[in-house]
Amino acid sequence: MSMEGARWGRRGGPRERRMRKIVLSIIGGAGVLLGLGWILQGLSLIPALIPPTRLAGHIGLVGNGAFLMAAAAMLIVWANRTPKRKAKPPGAPSP
């Protein structure tokens, strides 16, 4: 029985980490754009670009858009962070 598919708790290899970074960055970028659209629609700054809706000018969209933009930006930062290296104990020889 192969343990290849049993990767619970593992971070995966470099290829998987790179793919995860790309996918999370794309999702985060889409969230930032969607949040920006909600903010602009809530402030009635883009009524000519979209068909008029009952939500245009609704201040609740501004708060929701700001929250979505912040969460998406944090997702992008988290996806692109570099992993922390473990500190060597004092007096350990260097490689």
Protein backbone atom coordinates (compact mmCIF):
# COMPACT_ATOMS: atom_id res chain seq x y z
CA MET A 1 0.00 0.00 0.00
CA SER A 2 1.46 3.33 -1.07
CA MET A 3 1.62 6.25 1.34
CA GLU A 4 1.97 8.69 -1.58
CA GLY A 5 -1.63 9.89 -1.29
CA ALA A 6 -1.60 10.12 2.52
CA ARG A 7 -0.32 13.66 2.93
CA TRP A 8 -2.35 14.73 5.92
CA GLY A 9 -0.37 17.21 7.96
CA ARG A 10 2.35 17.65 5.36
CA ARG A 11 3.08 20.83 3.49
CA GLY A 12 3.94 19.13 0.21
CA GLY A 13 6.92 19.56 -2.03
CA PRO A 14 8.14 22.69 -3.79
CA ARG A 15 5.81 22.17 -6.74
CA GLU A 16 2.74 21.93 -4.50
CA ARG A 17 3.80 24.99 -2.49
CA ARG A 18 4.34 27.02 -5.67
CA MET A 19 0.94 25.97 -7.05
CA ARG A 20 -0.76 26.80 -3.73
CA LYS A 21 0.92 30.22 -3.75
CA ILE A 22 -0.33 30.95 -7.28
CA VAL A 23 -3.89 29.78 -6.62
CA LEU A 24 -4.21 31.69 -3.33
CA SER A 25 -2.79 34.83 -4.96
CA ILE A 26 -5.34 34.62 -7.78
CA ILE A 27 -8.20 34.13 -5.31
CA GLY A 28 -6.92 37.03 -3.22
CA GLY A 29 -6.60 39.28 -6.28
CA ALA A 30 -10.16 38.48 -7.32
CA GLY A 31 -11.32 39.30 -3.78
CA VAL A 32 -9.52 42.65 -3.84
CA LEU A 33 -11.12 43.56 -7.18
CA LEU A 34 -14.57 42.45 -6.04
CA GLY A 35 -14.23 44.41 -2.80
CA LEU A 36 -13.13 47.49 -4.72
CA GLY A 37 -16.16 47.11 -6.98
CA TRP A 38 -18.46 46.90 -3.97
CA ILE A 39 -16.91 49.99 -2.42
CA LEU A 40 -17.25 51.99 -5.63
CA GLN A 41 -20.82 50.80 -6.13
CA GLY A 42 -21.71 51.64 -2.53
CA LEU A 43 -20.33 55.15 -3.00
CA SER A 44 -22.20 55.47 -6.35
CA LEU A 45 -18.95 56.16 -8.19
CA ILE A 46 -19.45 53.63 -10.99
CA PRO A 47 -23.13 53.84 -11.91
CA ALA A 48 -22.37 54.26 -15.64
CA LEU A 49 -20.36 51.04 -15.81
CA ILE A 50 -22.98 48.77 -14.30
CA PRO A 51 -26.72 48.57 -14.73
CA PRO A 52 -28.56 50.47 -12.01
CA THR A 53 -29.51 48.34 -9.05
CA ARG A 54 -31.25 48.97 -5.76
CA LEU A 55 -27.92 48.50 -3.99
CA ALA A 56 -26.17 51.37 -5.81
CA GLY A 57 -25.44 54.00 -3.19
CA HIS A 58 -26.07 51.57 -0.31
CA ILE A 59 -23.53 52.35 2.42
CA GLY A 60 -23.51 48.73 3.58
CA LEU A 61 -21.64 47.79 0.43
CA VAL A 62 -18.79 50.06 1.45
CA GLY A 63 -18.25 48.23 4.72
CA ASN A 64 -18.59 44.81 3.13
CA GLY A 65 -16.22 45.77 0.33
CA ALA A 66 -13.63 47.13 2.74
CA PHE A 67 -13.81 43.95 4.82
CA LEU A 68 -13.46 41.76 1.71
CA MET A 69 -10.53 43.81 0.44
CA ALA A 70 -8.73 43.56 3.79
CA ALA A 71 -9.30 39.80 4.04
CA ALA A 72 -8.18 39.24 0.45
CA ALA A 73 -5.07 41.37 0.97
CA MET A 74 -4.20 39.33 4.07
CA LEU A 75 -4.66 36.15 2.03
CA ILE A 76 -2.21 37.44 -0.60
CA VAL A 77 0.35 38.40 2.05
CA TRP A 78 -0.05 35.05 3.82
CA ALA A 79 0.28 33.09 0.57
CA ASN A 80 3.46 34.90 -0.46
CA ARG A 81 5.24 34.96 2.88
CA THR A 82 8.48 33.10 3.26
CA PRO A 83 8.59 30.37 5.88
CA LYS A 84 10.54 31.16 9.03
CA ARG A 85 13.76 29.28 9.46
CA LYS A 86 14.32 27.46 12.70
CA ALA A 87 16.81 29.20 14.93
CA LYS A 88 19.98 27.34 15.77
CA PRO A 89 20.64 26.76 19.44
CA PRO A 90 23.43 28.89 20.92
CA GLY A 91 26.87 27.37 20.41
CA ALA A 92 25.75 25.13 17.54
CA PRO A 93 28.36 24.68 14.81
CA SER A 94 27.64 26.28 11.46
CA PRO A 95 27.35 23.97 8.42
